[in-house]
Amino acid sequence: MTKAILRETPRQNPCAQCGTPIPRPDWIEPGEGRVSYIWTCHACNYRFEAVAIFDEVAVERPPLAA
């Protein structure tokens, strides 16, 4: 799951405060059915988190046993 998501890293996300495009997130943290992104705007120094939540069908899970 993580590799597919990291290939599609969001770019040019607008700042939640001033709207300036941010080239890429500072931090990406994949989790169970979600990915969190930490963004920092260098224009106004605002920091925020965005979370992408995926449908259960789209999430690939590793097998429990071989």
C-alpha atoms as a PDB file:
ATOM      1  CA  MET A   1       0.000   0.000   0.000  1.00  0.00           C
ATOM      2  CA  THR A   2       2.688   2.527   0.947  1.00  0.00           C
ATOM      3  CA  LYS A   3       4.631   2.302  -2.322  1.00  0.00           C
ATOM      4  CA  ALA A   4       1.537   3.041  -4.407  1.00  0.00           C
ATOM      5  CA  ILE A   5       0.693   6.045  -2.255  1.00  0.00           C
ATOM      6  CA  LEU A   6       4.217   7.482  -2.187  1.00  0.00           C
ATOM      7  CA  ARG A   7       4.341   7.385  -6.003  1.00  0.00           C
ATOM      8  CA  GLU A   8       1.316   9.670  -5.934  1.00  0.00           C
ATOM      9  CA  THR A   9       2.595  12.193  -3.387  1.00  0.00           C
ATOM     10  CA  PRO A  10       0.463  15.341  -3.526  1.00  0.00           C
ATOM     11  CA  ARG A  11       2.177  18.422  -4.948  1.00  0.00           C
ATOM     12  CA  GLN A  12       1.351  22.135  -4.902  1.00  0.00           C
ATOM     13  CA  ASN A  13      -1.210  21.805  -2.094  1.00  0.00           C
ATOM     14  CA  PRO A  14      -2.513  25.298  -1.224  1.00  0.00           C
ATOM     15  CA  CYS A  15      -1.775  26.621   2.256  1.00  0.00           C
ATOM     16  CA  ALA A  16      -4.817  26.309   4.525  1.00  0.00           C
ATOM     17  CA  GLN A  17      -4.238  29.872   5.778  1.00  0.00           C
ATOM     18  CA  CYS A  18      -2.927  32.041   2.911  1.00  0.00           C
ATOM     19  CA  GLY A  19      -3.486  29.854  -0.189  1.00  0.00           C
ATOM     20  CA  THR A  20       0.126  29.858  -1.388  1.00  0.00           C
ATOM     21  CA  PRO A  21       0.988  26.567  -3.160  1.00  0.00           C
ATOM     22  CA  ILE A  22       3.310  24.317  -1.134  1.00  0.00           C
ATOM     23  CA  PRO A  23       5.593  22.201  -3.365  1.00  0.00           C
ATOM     24  CA  ARG A  24       5.503  18.984  -1.281  1.00  0.00           C
ATOM     25  CA  PRO A  25       4.678  17.783   2.235  1.00  0.00           C
ATOM     26  CA  ASP A  26       7.312  17.834   4.979  1.00  0.00           C
ATOM     27  CA  TRP A  27       6.225  14.479   6.369  1.00  0.00           C
ATOM     28  CA  ILE A  28       4.224  11.495   5.091  1.00  0.00           C
ATOM     29  CA  GLU A  29       2.926   8.893   7.516  1.00  0.00           C
ATOM     30  CA  PRO A  30       1.010   5.907   6.124  1.00  0.00           C
ATOM     31  CA  GLY A  31      -1.402   4.087   8.393  1.00  0.00           C
ATOM     32  CA  GLU A  32      -4.236   1.569   8.321  1.00  0.00           C
ATOM     33  CA  GLY A  33      -6.441   2.760   5.430  1.00  0.00           C
ATOM     34  CA  ARG A  34      -5.101   6.320   5.561  1.00  0.00           C
ATOM     35  CA  VAL A  35      -2.076   8.544   4.894  1.00  0.00           C
ATOM     36  CA  SER A  36      -1.276  11.702   6.880  1.00  0.00           C
ATOM     37  CA  TYR A  37       0.631  14.612   5.358  1.00  0.00           C
ATOM     38  CA  ILE A  38       2.266  17.480   7.294  1.00  0.00           C
ATOM     39  CA  TRP A  39       2.573  20.710   5.309  1.00  0.00           C
ATOM     40  CA  THR A  40       4.493  23.925   6.142  1.00  0.00           C
ATOM     41  CA  CYS A  41       3.895  27.147   4.241  1.00  0.00           C
ATOM     42  CA  HIS A  42       7.122  29.111   3.847  1.00  0.00           C
ATOM     43  CA  ALA A  43       5.187  32.265   2.916  1.00  0.00           C
ATOM     44  CA  CYS A  44       3.240  32.618   6.203  1.00  0.00           C
ATOM     45  CA  ASN A  45       4.913  29.899   8.352  1.00  0.00           C
ATOM     46  CA  TYR A  46       1.587  28.084   8.913  1.00  0.00           C
ATOM     47  CA  ARG A  47       1.715  24.327   9.595  1.00  0.00           C
ATOM     48  CA  PHE A  48      -1.161  21.909   9.082  1.00  0.00           C
ATOM     49  CA  GLU A  49      -1.985  18.239   8.617  1.00  0.00           C
ATOM     50  CA  ALA A  50      -4.056  16.713   5.820  1.00  0.00           C
ATOM     51  CA  VAL A  51      -5.319  13.122   5.970  1.00  0.00           C
ATOM     52  CA  ALA A  52      -6.296  10.933   3.000  1.00  0.00           C
ATOM     53  CA  ILE A  53      -8.669   8.089   3.916  1.00  0.00           C
ATOM     54  CA  PHE A  54      -9.088   5.149   1.547  1.00  0.00           C
ATOM     55  CA  ASP A  55     -11.961   2.735   1.021  1.00  0.00           C
ATOM     56  CA  GLU A  56     -11.416  -0.730   2.453  1.00  0.00           C
ATOM     57  CA  VAL A  57     -11.573  -2.181  -1.066  1.00  0.00           C
ATOM     58  CA  ALA A  58      -8.622  -0.058  -2.223  1.00  0.00           C
ATOM     59  CA  VAL A  59      -6.382  -1.031   0.710  1.00  0.00           C
ATOM     60  CA  GLU A  60      -4.083  -3.973   0.038  1.00  0.00           C
ATOM     61  CA  ARG A  61      -3.396  -6.036   3.125  1.00  0.00           C
ATOM     62  CA  PRO A  62      -0.485  -8.458   3.505  1.00  0.00           C
ATOM     63  CA  PRO A  63      -1.472 -12.108   4.020  1.00  0.00           C
ATOM     64  CA  LEU A  64      -1.826 -13.202   7.643  1.00  0.00           C
ATOM     65  CA  ALA A  65      -0.033 -16.502   6.999  1.00  0.00           C
ATOM     66  CA  ALA A  66       2.156 -17.907   4.262  1.00  0.00           C
END
